[in-house]
Amino acid sequence: MQYLLLILAIGAELAGTIFLKFTDGFTKLYPTIITLMAYGTAFYSLSIVVKTLPVNVVYAIWSGAGIVLVTLISVFIFHNTINCPTMIGTALIVVGVVLVNTFGAGH
């Protein structure tokens, strides 16, 4: 159940970040409402998950997955370009998440 809530938190954070692009500095009502609801859902879900799972593991997964997924969406949906350092940095984030999950204090 906790990992399902973590997946919900990742999806909600992803939705919030995508809709943030459309808020135009929080001047457009509907994208702003969606963004705030999505981030609220993400943080609420995280608050439940960290009751039973180590916060370092939860945050590593949540933030790492969010960064990787937002990068992929920005490239394939919004047609933004990324350079080699960005790809290397994103790969290092994935390695960091794996290390935290494998050897972190919660294990």
PDB file of N, CA and C in Angstrom:
ATOM      1  N   MET A   1       0.813  -1.204   0.000  1.00  0.00           N
ATOM      2  CA  MET A   1       0.000   0.000   0.000  1.00  0.00           C
ATOM      3  C   MET A   1       0.857   1.269   0.000  1.00  0.00           C
ATOM      4  N   GLN A   2       1.946   1.238   0.776  1.00  0.00           N
ATOM      5  CA  GLN A   2       2.806   2.418   0.871  1.00  0.00           C
ATOM      6  C   GLN A   2       3.439   2.764  -0.480  1.00  0.00           C
ATOM      7  N   TYR A   3       3.834   1.741  -1.220  1.00  0.00           N
ATOM      8  CA  TYR A   3       4.449   2.014  -2.518  1.00  0.00           C
ATOM      9  C   TYR A   3       3.425   2.499  -3.534  1.00  0.00           C
ATOM     10  N   LEU A   4       2.168   2.101  -3.392  1.00  0.00           N
ATOM     11  CA  LEU A   4       1.118   2.651  -4.252  1.00  0.00           C
ATOM     12  C   LEU A   4       0.909   4.135  -3.962  1.00  0.00           C
ATOM     13  N   LEU A   5       0.955   4.498  -2.683  1.00  0.00           N
ATOM     14  CA  LEU A   5       0.856   5.918  -2.327  1.00  0.00           C
ATOM     15  C   LEU A   5       2.071   6.704  -2.825  1.00  0.00           C
ATOM     16  N   LEU A   6       3.227   6.071  -2.815  1.00  0.00           N
ATOM     17  CA  LEU A   6       4.426   6.723  -3.335  1.00  0.00           C
ATOM     18  C   LEU A   6       4.290   6.940  -4.843  1.00  0.00           C
ATOM     19  N   ILE A   7       3.744   5.960  -5.545  1.00  0.00           N
ATOM     20  CA  ILE A   7       3.508   6.120  -6.982  1.00  0.00           C
ATOM     21  C   ILE A   7       2.500   7.246  -7.229  1.00  0.00           C
ATOM     22  N   LEU A   8       1.460   7.318  -6.388  1.00  0.00           N
ATOM     23  CA  LEU A   8       0.496   8.412  -6.485  1.00  0.00           C
ATOM     24  C   LEU A   8       1.189   9.755  -6.272  1.00  0.00           C
ATOM     25  N   ALA A   9       2.076   9.822  -5.281  1.00  0.00           N
ATOM     26  CA  ALA A   9       2.803  11.064  -5.003  1.00  0.00           C
ATOM     27  C   ALA A   9       3.675  11.461  -6.190  1.00  0.00           C
ATOM     28  N   ILE A  10       4.321  10.491  -6.809  1.00  0.00           N
ATOM     29  CA  ILE A  10       5.159  10.774  -7.977  1.00  0.00           C
ATOM     30  C   ILE A  10       4.299  11.277  -9.131  1.00  0.00           C
ATOM     31  N   GLY A  11       3.182  10.599  -9.383  1.00  0.00           N
ATOM     32  CA  GLY A  11       2.290  11.023 -10.464  1.00  0.00           C
ATOM     33  C   GLY A  11       1.705  12.401 -10.219  1.00  0.00           C
ATOM     34  N   ALA A  12       1.325  12.681  -8.981  1.00  0.00           N
ATOM     35  CA  ALA A  12       0.757  13.985  -8.653  1.00  0.00           C
ATOM     36  C   ALA A  12       1.805  15.086  -8.799  1.00  0.00           C
ATOM     37  N   GLU A  13       3.017  14.816  -8.361  1.00  0.00           N
ATOM     38  CA  GLU A  13       4.096  15.799  -8.504  1.00  0.00           C
ATOM     39  C   GLU A  13       4.392  16.042  -9.975  1.00  0.00           C
ATOM     40  N   LEU A  14       4.360  14.990 -10.757  1.00  0.00           N
ATOM     41  CA  LEU A  14       4.586  15.107 -12.197  1.00  0.00           C
ATOM     42  C   LEU A  14       3.490  15.967 -12.832  1.00  0.00           C
ATOM     43  N   ALA A  15       2.237  15.713 -12.475  1.00  0.00           N
ATOM     44  CA  ALA A  15       1.125  16.505 -13.004  1.00  0.00           C
ATOM     45  C   ALA A  15       1.256  17.964 -12.578  1.00  0.00           C
ATOM     46  N   GLY A  16       1.593  18.186 -11.321  1.00  0.00           N
ATOM     47  CA  GLY A  16       1.757  19.551 -10.834  1.00  0.00           C
ATOM     48  C   GLY A  16       2.840  20.301 -11.583  1.00  0.00           C
ATOM     49  N   THR A  17       3.942  19.624 -11.841  1.00  0.00           N
ATOM     50  CA  THR A  17       5.049  20.263 -12.547  1.00  0.00           C
ATOM     51  C   THR A  17       4.693  20.550 -13.998  1.00  0.00           C
ATOM     52  N   ILE A  18       3.987  19.626 -14.632  1.00  0.00           N
ATOM     53  CA  ILE A  18       3.572  19.847 -16.020  1.00  0.00           C
ATOM     54  C   ILE A  18       2.608  21.032 -16.100  1.00  0.00           C
ATOM     55  N   PHE A  19       1.612  21.054 -15.218  1.00  0.00           N
ATOM     56  CA  PHE A  19       0.637  22.144 -15.258  1.00  0.00           C
ATOM     57  C   PHE A  19       1.233  23.466 -14.803  1.00  0.00           C
ATOM     58  N   LEU A  20       2.310  23.425 -14.033  1.00  0.00           N
ATOM     59  CA  LEU A  20       2.984  24.655 -13.623  1.00  0.00           C
ATOM     60  C   LEU A  20       3.413  25.460 -14.847  1.00  0.00           C
ATOM     61  N   LYS A  21       3.787  24.735 -15.896  1.00  0.00           N
ATOM     62  CA  LYS A  21       4.193  25.389 -17.139  1.00  0.00           C
ATOM     63  C   LYS A  21       3.058  26.228 -17.738  1.00  0.00           C
ATOM     64  N   PHE A  22       1.821  25.800 -17.508  1.00  0.00           N
ATOM     65  CA  PHE A  22       0.674  26.466 -18.112  1.00  0.00           C
ATOM     66  C   PHE A  22       0.018  27.521 -17.213  1.00  0.00           C
ATOM     67  N   THR A  23       0.526  27.718 -15.996  1.00  0.00           N
ATOM     68  CA  THR A  23      -0.094  28.687 -15.086  1.00  0.00           C
ATOM     69  C   THR A  23       0.214  30.134 -15.450  1.00  0.00           C
ATOM     70  N   ASP A  24       1.267  30.330 -16.236  1.00  0.00           N
ATOM     71  CA  ASP A  24       1.693  31.682 -16.630  1.00  0.00           C
ATOM     72  C   ASP A  24       1.893  32.559 -15.399  1.00  0.00           C
ATOM     73  N   GLY A  25       2.730  32.045 -14.480  1.00  0.00           N
ATOM     74  CA  GLY A  25       3.014  32.793 -13.250  1.00  0.00           C
ATOM     75  C   GLY A  25       1.820  32.859 -12.320  1.00  0.00           C
ATOM     76  N   PHE A  26       1.034  31.803 -12.305  1.00  0.00           N
ATOM     77  CA  PHE A  26      -0.186  31.704 -11.488  1.00  0.00           C
ATOM     78  C   PHE A  26      -1.219  32.761 -11.856  1.00  0.00           C
ATOM     79  N   THR A  27      -1.242  33.163 -13.116  1.00  0.00           N
ATOM     80  CA  THR A  27      -2.250  34.129 -13.571  1.00  0.00           C
ATOM     81  C   THR A  27      -3.411  33.442 -14.284  1.00  0.00           C
ATOM     82  N   LYS A  28      -3.272  32.171 -14.624  1.00  0.00           N
ATOM     83  CA  LYS A  28      -4.358  31.431 -15.272  1.00  0.00           C
ATOM     84  C   LYS A  28      -4.992  30.501 -14.242  1.00  0.00           C
ATOM     85  N   LEU A  29      -6.285  30.673 -14.041  1.00  0.00           N
ATOM     86  CA  LEU A  29      -6.983  30.037 -12.925  1.00  0.00           C
ATOM     87  C   LEU A  29      -6.941  28.512 -12.961  1.00  0.00           C
ATOM     88  N   TYR A  30      -7.396  27.902 -14.040  1.00  0.00           N
ATOM     89  CA  TYR A  30      -7.536  26.445 -14.041  1.00  0.00           C
ATOM     90  C   TYR A  30      -6.203  25.696 -13.957  1.00  0.00           C
ATOM     91  N   PRO A  31      -5.191  26.096 -14.708  1.00  0.00           N
ATOM     92  CA  PRO A  31      -3.904  25.425 -14.512  1.00  0.00           C
ATOM     93  C   PRO A  31      -3.338  25.634 -13.100  1.00  0.00           C
ATOM     94  N   THR A  32      -3.590  26.807 -12.514  1.00  0.00           N
ATOM     95  CA  THR A  32      -3.133  27.078 -11.154  1.00  0.00           C
ATOM     96  C   THR A  32      -3.832  26.165 -10.156  1.00  0.00           C
ATOM     97  N   ILE A  33      -5.138  26.001 -10.294  1.00  0.00           N
ATOM     98  CA  ILE A  33      -5.891  25.123  -9.393  1.00  0.00           C
ATOM     99  C   ILE A  33      -5.389  23.683  -9.523  1.00  0.00           C
ATOM    100  N   ILE A  34      -5.199  23.218 -10.756  1.00  0.00           N
ATOM    101  CA  ILE A  34      -4.710  21.847 -10.975  1.00  0.00           C
ATOM    102  C   ILE A  34      -3.324  21.673 -10.369  1.00  0.00           C
ATOM    103  N   THR A  35      -2.467  22.667 -10.575  1.00  0.00           N
ATOM    104  CA  THR A  35      -1.109  22.602 -10.022  1.00  0.00           C
ATOM    105  C   THR A  35      -1.140  22.498  -8.506  1.00  0.00           C
ATOM    106  N   LEU A  36      -1.910  23.360  -7.865  1.00  0.00           N
ATOM    107  CA  LEU A  36      -1.971  23.355  -6.402  1.00  0.00           C
ATOM    108  C   LEU A  36      -2.587  22.071  -5.859  1.00  0.00           C
ATOM    109  N   MET A  37      -3.623  21.570  -6.525  1.00  0.00           N
ATOM    110  CA  MET A  37      -4.235  20.311  -6.097  1.00  0.00           C
ATOM    111  C   MET A  37      -3.273  19.139  -6.275  1.00  0.00           C
ATOM    112  N   ALA A  38      -2.547  19.148  -7.374  1.00  0.00           N
ATOM    113  CA  ALA A  38      -1.602  18.065  -7.639  1.00  0.00           C
ATOM    114  C   ALA A  38      -0.480  18.059  -6.597  1.00  0.00           C
ATOM    115  N   TYR A  39       0.088  19.232  -6.327  1.00  0.00           N
ATOM    116  CA  TYR A  39       1.150  19.295  -5.320  1.00  0.00           C
ATOM    117  C   TYR A  39       0.611  18.961  -3.929  1.00  0.00           C
ATOM    118  N   GLY A  40      -0.599  19.396  -3.630  1.00  0.00           N
ATOM    119  CA  GLY A  40      -1.215  19.041  -2.352  1.00  0.00           C
ATOM    120  C   GLY A  40      -1.381  17.535  -2.215  1.00  0.00           C
ATOM    121  N   THR A  41      -1.833  16.890  -3.279  1.00  0.00           N
ATOM    122  CA  THR A  41      -1.974  15.433  -3.285  1.00  0.00           C
ATOM    123  C   THR A  41      -0.624  14.755  -3.104  1.00  0.00           C
ATOM    124  N   ALA A  42       0.385  15.268  -3.786  1.00  0.00           N
ATOM    125  CA  ALA A  42       1.725  14.687  -3.681  1.00  0.00           C
ATOM    126  C   ALA A  42       2.244  14.764  -2.247  1.00  0.00           C
ATOM    127  N   PHE A  43       2.144  15.936  -1.636  1.00  0.00           N
ATOM    128  CA  PHE A  43       2.669  16.093  -0.283  1.00  0.00           C
ATOM    129  C   PHE A  43       1.846  15.337   0.754  1.00  0.00           C
ATOM    130  N   TYR A  44       0.541  15.287   0.555  1.00  0.00           N
ATOM    131  CA  TYR A  44      -0.288  14.516   1.481  1.00  0.00           C
ATOM    132  C   TYR A  44       0.067  13.030   1.395  1.00  0.00           C
ATOM    133  N   SER A  45       0.209  12.521   0.178  1.00  0.00           N
ATOM    134  CA  SER A  45       0.583  11.113   0.004  1.00  0.00           C
ATOM    135  C   SER A  45       1.941  10.827   0.633  1.00  0.00           C
ATOM    136  N   LEU A  46       2.892  11.735   0.422  1.00  0.00           N
ATOM    137  CA  LEU A  46       4.213  11.553   1.035  1.00  0.00           C
ATOM    138  C   LEU A  46       4.129  11.556   2.552  1.00  0.00           C
ATOM    139  N   SER A  47       3.269  12.391   3.104  1.00  0.00           N
ATOM    140  CA  SER A  47       3.160  12.460   4.566  1.00  0.00           C
ATOM    141  C   SER A  47       2.664  11.146   5.154  1.00  0.00           C
ATOM    142  N   ILE A  48       1.872  10.414   4.397  1.00  0.00           N
ATOM    143  CA  ILE A  48       1.406   9.108   4.856  1.00  0.00           C
ATOM    144  C   ILE A  48       2.507   8.065   4.697  1.00  0.00           C
ATOM    145  N   VAL A  49       3.197   8.117   3.568  1.00  0.00           N
ATOM    146  CA  VAL A  49       4.225   7.116   3.276  1.00  0.00           C
ATOM    147  C   VAL A  49       5.372   7.176   4.285  1.00  0.00           C
ATOM    148  N   VAL A  50       5.782   8.396   4.669  1.00  0.00           N
ATOM    149  CA  VAL A  50       6.936   8.510   5.566  1.00  0.00           C
ATOM    150  C   VAL A  50       6.628   8.079   6.996  1.00  0.00           C
ATOM    151  N   LYS A  51       5.373   7.754   7.281  1.00  0.00           N
ATOM    152  CA  LYS A  51       5.046   7.205   8.596  1.00  0.00           C
ATOM    153  C   LYS A  51       5.611   5.795   8.755  1.00  0.00           C
ATOM    154  N   THR A  52       5.732   5.066   7.654  1.00  0.00           N
ATOM    155  CA  THR A  52       6.159   3.663   7.746  1.00  0.00           C
ATOM    156  C   THR A  52       7.435   3.349   6.978  1.00  0.00           C
ATOM    157  N   LEU A  53       7.817   4.186   6.039  1.00  0.00           N
ATOM    158  CA  LEU A  53       9.049   3.958   5.280  1.00  0.00           C
ATOM    159  C   LEU A  53      10.058   5.049   5.611  1.00  0.00           C
ATOM    160  N   PRO A  54      11.349   4.747   5.542  1.00  0.00           N
ATOM    161  CA  PRO A  54      12.374   5.750   5.857  1.00  0.00           C
ATOM    162  C   PRO A  54      12.287   6.953   4.925  1.00  0.00           C
ATOM    163  N   VAL A  55      12.342   8.128   5.504  1.00  0.00           N
ATOM    164  CA  VAL A  55      12.175   9.352   4.730  1.00  0.00           C
ATOM    165  C   VAL A  55      13.267   9.500   3.673  1.00  0.00           C
ATOM    166  N   ASN A  56      14.489   9.050   3.955  1.00  0.00           N
ATOM    167  CA  ASN A  56      15.558   9.179   2.962  1.00  0.00           C
ATOM    168  C   ASN A  56      15.269   8.329   1.733  1.00  0.00           C
ATOM    169  N   VAL A  57      14.726   7.151   1.927  1.00  0.00           N
ATOM    170  CA  VAL A  57      14.395   6.268   0.809  1.00  0.00           C
ATOM    171  C   VAL A  57      13.215   6.839   0.032  1.00  0.00           C
ATOM    172  N   VAL A  58      12.185   7.274   0.735  1.00  0.00           N
ATOM    173  CA  VAL A  58      10.986   7.827   0.096  1.00  0.00           C
ATOM    174  C   VAL A  58      11.352   9.059  -0.728  1.00  0.00           C
ATOM    175  N   TYR A  59      12.115   9.957  -0.130  1.00  0.00           N
ATOM    176  CA  TYR A  59      12.443  11.192  -0.834  1.00  0.00           C
ATOM    177  C   TYR A  59      13.351  10.927  -2.023  1.00  0.00           C
ATOM    178  N   ALA A  60      14.277   9.986  -1.891  1.00  0.00           N
ATOM    179  CA  ALA A  60      15.155   9.652  -3.010  1.00  0.00           C
ATOM    180  C   ALA A  60      14.348   9.123  -4.190  1.00  0.00           C
ATOM    181  N   ILE A  61      13.426   8.237  -3.919  1.00  0.00           N
ATOM    182  CA  ILE A  61      12.594   7.684  -4.992  1.00  0.00           C
ATOM    183  C   ILE A  61      11.704   8.762  -5.596  1.00  0.00           C
ATOM    184  N   TRP A  62      11.033   9.530  -4.737  1.00  0.00           N
ATOM    185  CA  TRP A  62      10.095  10.548  -5.197  1.00  0.00           C
ATOM    186  C   TRP A  62      10.790  11.613  -6.048  1.00  0.00           C
ATOM    187  N   SER A  63      11.850  12.168  -5.525  1.00  0.00           N
ATOM    188  CA  SER A  63      12.523  13.243  -6.252  1.00  0.00           C
ATOM    189  C   SER A  63      13.261  12.724  -7.475  1.00  0.00           C
ATOM    190  N   GLY A  64      13.906  11.563  -7.352  1.00  0.00           N
ATOM    191  CA  GLY A  64      14.629  10.993  -8.496  1.00  0.00           C
ATOM    192  C   GLY A  64      13.696  10.644  -9.631  1.00  0.00           C
ATOM    193  N   ALA A  65      12.603   9.979  -9.315  1.00  0.00           N
ATOM    194  CA  ALA A  65      11.628   9.625 -10.352  1.00  0.00           C
ATOM    195  C   ALA A  65      11.035  10.882 -10.977  1.00  0.00           C
ATOM    196  N   GLY A  66      10.745  11.865 -10.146  1.00  0.00           N
ATOM    197  CA  GLY A  66      10.190  13.119 -10.660  1.00  0.00           C
ATOM    198  C   GLY A  66      11.133  13.805 -11.627  1.00  0.00           C
ATOM    199  N   ILE A  67      12.406  13.884 -11.277  1.00  0.00           N
ATOM    200  CA  ILE A  67      13.389  14.539 -12.146  1.00  0.00           C
ATOM    201  C   ILE A  67      13.511  13.805 -13.473  1.00  0.00           C
ATOM    202  N   VAL A  68      13.633  12.487 -13.413  1.00  0.00           N
ATOM    203  CA  VAL A  68      13.784  11.703 -14.639  1.00  0.00           C
ATOM    204  C   VAL A  68      12.534  11.828 -15.511  1.00  0.00           C
ATOM    205  N   LEU A  69      11.353  11.677 -14.917  1.00  0.00           N
ATOM    206  CA  LEU A  69      10.118  11.737 -15.700  1.00  0.00           C
ATOM    207  C   LEU A  69       9.851  13.123 -16.266  1.00  0.00           C
ATOM    208  N   VAL A  70      10.106  14.172 -15.494  1.00  0.00           N
ATOM    209  CA  VAL A  70       9.918  15.532 -16.005  1.00  0.00           C
ATOM    210  C   VAL A  70      10.896  15.805 -17.140  1.00  0.00           C
ATOM    211  N   THR A  71      12.112  15.321 -17.021  1.00  0.00           N
ATOM    212  CA  THR A  71      13.083  15.488 -18.106  1.00  0.00           C
ATOM    213  C   THR A  71      12.601  14.797 -19.371  1.00  0.00           C
ATOM    214  N   LEU A  72      12.132  13.561 -19.239  1.00  0.00           N
ATOM    215  CA  LEU A  72      11.627  12.835 -20.408  1.00  0.00           C
ATOM    216  C   LEU A  72      10.425  13.538 -21.031  1.00  0.00           C
ATOM    217  N   ILE A  73       9.507  14.011 -20.197  1.00  0.00           N
ATOM    218  CA  ILE A  73       8.331  14.717 -20.714  1.00  0.00           C
ATOM    219  C   ILE A  73       8.735  16.015 -21.397  1.00  0.00           C
ATOM    220  N   SER A  74       9.691  16.726 -20.808  1.00  0.00           N
ATOM    221  CA  SER A  74      10.114  17.985 -21.419  1.00  0.00           C
ATOM    222  C   SER A  74      10.750  17.752 -22.788  1.00  0.00           C
ATOM    223  N   VAL A  75      11.416  16.612 -22.956  1.00  0.00           N
ATOM    224  CA  VAL A  75      12.041  16.306 -24.242  1.00  0.00           C
ATOM    225  C   VAL A  75      11.007  15.805 -25.248  1.00  0.00           C
ATOM    226  N   PHE A  76      10.189  14.834 -24.859  1.00  0.00           N
ATOM    227  CA  PHE A  76       9.309  14.180 -25.820  1.00  0.00           C
ATOM    228  C   PHE A  76       7.955  14.866 -26.019  1.00  0.00           C
ATOM    229  N   ILE A  77       7.471  15.578 -25.034  1.00  0.00           N
ATOM    230  CA  ILE A  77       6.169  16.249 -25.157  1.00  0.00           C
ATOM    231  C   ILE A  77       6.352  17.726 -25.509  1.00  0.00           C
ATOM    232  N   PHE A  78       7.235  18.411 -24.760  1.00  0.00           N
ATOM    233  CA  PHE A  78       7.425  19.846 -24.980  1.00  0.00           C
ATOM    234  C   PHE A  78       8.554  20.152 -25.966  1.00  0.00           C
ATOM    235  N   HIS A  79       9.220  19.120 -26.432  1.00  0.00           N
ATOM    236  CA  HIS A  79      10.288  19.237 -27.441  1.00  0.00           C
ATOM    237  C   HIS A  79      11.429  20.151 -27.000  1.00  0.00           C
ATOM    238  N   ASN A  80      11.731  20.128 -25.694  1.00  0.00           N
ATOM    239  CA  ASN A  80      12.902  20.842 -25.199  1.00  0.00           C
ATOM    240  C   ASN A  80      14.140  20.008 -25.499  1.00  0.00           C
ATOM    241  N   THR A  81      15.245  20.668 -25.671  1.00  0.00           N
ATOM    242  CA  THR A  81      16.488  19.937 -25.923  1.00  0.00           C
ATOM    243  C   THR A  81      17.263  19.807 -24.616  1.00  0.00           C
ATOM    244  N   ILE A  82      18.014  18.727 -24.507  1.00  0.00           N
ATOM    245  CA  ILE A  82      18.916  18.567 -23.370  1.00  0.00           C
ATOM    246  C   ILE A  82      20.302  18.275 -23.920  1.00  0.00           C
ATOM    247  N   ASN A  83      21.289  18.601 -23.127  1.00  0.00           N
ATOM    248  CA  ASN A  83      22.659  18.391 -23.556  1.00  0.00           C
ATOM    249  C   ASN A  83      23.274  17.201 -22.815  1.00  0.00           C
ATOM    250  N   CYS A  84      24.495  16.901 -23.163  1.00  0.00           N
ATOM    251  CA  CYS A  84      25.188  15.755 -22.571  1.00  0.00           C
ATOM    252  C   CYS A  84      25.338  15.877 -21.052  1.00  0.00           C
ATOM    253  N   PRO A  85      25.736  17.033 -20.517  1.00  0.00           N
ATOM    254  CA  PRO A  85      25.816  17.140 -19.057  1.00  0.00           C
ATOM    255  C   PRO A  85      24.483  16.876 -18.360  1.00  0.00           C
ATOM    256  N   THR A  86      23.379  17.300 -18.980  1.00  0.00           N
ATOM    257  CA  THR A  86      22.067  17.032 -18.390  1.00  0.00           C
ATOM    258  C   THR A  86      21.776  15.541 -18.368  1.00  0.00           C
ATOM    259  N   MET A  87      22.108  14.848 -19.451  1.00  0.00           N
ATOM    260  CA  MET A  87      21.888  13.397 -19.500  1.00  0.00           C
ATOM    261  C   MET A  87      22.762  12.678 -18.471  1.00  0.00           C
ATOM    262  N   ILE A  88      24.007  13.118 -18.327  1.00  0.00           N
ATOM    263  CA  ILE A  88      24.906  12.511 -17.343  1.00  0.00           C
ATOM    264  C   ILE A  88      24.385  12.777 -15.930  1.00  0.00           C
ATOM    265  N   GLY A  89      23.968  14.014 -15.664  1.00  0.00           N
ATOM    266  CA  GLY A  89      23.434  14.356 -14.351  1.00  0.00           C
ATOM    267  C   GLY A  89      22.193  13.556 -14.014  1.00  0.00           C
ATOM    268  N   THR A  90      21.316  13.371 -14.974  1.00  0.00           N
ATOM    269  CA  THR A  90      20.104  12.588 -14.754  1.00  0.00           C
ATOM    270  C   THR A  90      20.462  11.130 -14.474  1.00  0.00           C
ATOM    271  N   ALA A  91      21.429  10.599 -15.208  1.00  0.00           N
ATOM    272  CA  ALA A  91      21.879   9.222 -14.966  1.00  0.00           C
ATOM    273  C   ALA A  91      22.484   9.086 -13.568  1.00  0.00           C
ATOM    274  N   LEU A  92      23.225  10.097 -13.129  1.00  0.00           N
ATOM    275  CA  LEU A  92      23.808  10.061 -11.789  1.00  0.00           C
ATOM    276  C   LEU A  92      22.731  10.113 -10.705  1.00  0.00           C
ATOM    277  N   ILE A  93      21.642  10.824 -10.980  1.00  0.00           N
ATOM    278  CA  ILE A  93      20.525  10.842 -10.031  1.00  0.00           C
ATOM    279  C   ILE A  93      19.941   9.448  -9.894  1.00  0.00           C
ATOM    280  N   VAL A  94      19.771   8.755 -11.012  1.00  0.00           N
ATOM    281  CA  VAL A  94      19.251   7.389 -10.975  1.00  0.00           C
ATOM    282  C   VAL A  94      20.190   6.489 -10.179  1.00  0.00           C
ATOM    283  N   VAL A  95      21.493   6.621 -10.414  1.00  0.00           N
ATOM    284  CA  VAL A  95      22.481   5.836  -9.655  1.00  0.00           C
ATOM    285  C   VAL A  95      22.369   6.157  -8.166  1.00  0.00           C
ATOM    286  N   GLY A  96      22.210   7.432  -7.835  1.00  0.00           N
ATOM    287  CA  GLY A  96      22.073   7.830  -6.437  1.00  0.00           C
ATOM    288  C   GLY A  96      20.845   7.223  -5.782  1.00  0.00           C
ATOM    289  N   VAL A  97      19.727   7.201  -6.480  1.00  0.00           N
ATOM    290  CA  VAL A  97      18.504   6.607  -5.944  1.00  0.00           C
ATOM    291  C   VAL A  97      18.704   5.117  -5.696  1.00  0.00           C
ATOM    292  N   VAL A  98      19.354   4.451  -6.630  1.00  0.00           N
ATOM    293  CA  VAL A  98      19.628   3.014  -6.469  1.00  0.00           C
ATOM    294  C   VAL A  98      20.526   2.783  -5.255  1.00  0.00           C
ATOM    295  N   LEU A  99      21.557   3.606  -5.098  1.00  0.00           N
ATOM    296  CA  LEU A  99      22.467   3.460  -3.957  1.00  0.00           C
ATOM    297  C   LEU A  99      21.751   3.695  -2.626  1.00  0.00           C
ATOM    298  N   VAL A 100      20.923   4.730  -2.572  1.00  0.00           N
ATOM    299  CA  VAL A 100      20.189   5.006  -1.335  1.00  0.00           C
ATOM    300  C   VAL A 100      19.276   3.845  -0.999  1.00  0.00           C
ATOM    301  N   ASN A 101      18.614   3.289  -1.998  1.00  0.00           N
ATOM    302  CA  ASN A 101      17.699   2.179  -1.767  1.00  0.00           C
ATOM    303  C   ASN A 101      18.417   0.892  -1.433  1.00  0.00           C
ATOM    304  N   THR A 102      19.613   0.734  -1.947  1.00  0.00           N
ATOM    305  CA  THR A 102      20.372  -0.488  -1.696  1.00  0.00           C
ATOM    306  C   THR A 102      21.130  -0.447  -0.364  1.00  0.00           C
ATOM    307  N   PHE A 103      21.743   0.677  -0.091  1.00  0.00           N
ATOM    308  CA  PHE A 103      22.633   0.761   1.069  1.00  0.00           C
ATOM    309  C   PHE A 103      22.220   1.797   2.097  1.00  0.00           C
ATOM    310  N   GLY A 104      21.067   2.451   1.914  1.00  0.00           N
ATOM    311  CA  GLY A 104      20.646   3.520   2.810  1.00  0.00           C
ATOM    312  C   GLY A 104      20.419   3.027   4.239  1.00  0.00           C
ATOM    313  N   ALA A 105      20.357   3.964   5.145  1.00  0.00           N
ATOM    314  CA  ALA A 105      20.205   3.633   6.572  1.00  0.00           C
ATOM    315  C   ALA A 105      18.913   2.874   6.867  1.00  0.00           C
ATOM    316  N   GLY A 106      17.930   2.999   5.970  1.00  0.00           N
ATOM    317  CA  GLY A 106      16.663   2.314   6.200  1.00  0.00           C
ATOM    318  C   GLY A 106      16.692   0.832   5.905  1.00  0.00           C
ATOM    319  N   HIS A 107      17.835   0.331   5.436  1.00  0.00           N
ATOM    320  CA  HIS A 107      17.915  -1.085   5.062  1.00  0.00           C
ATOM    321  C   HIS A 107      18.847  -1.853   5.960  1.00  0.00           C
TER     322      HIS A 107
END
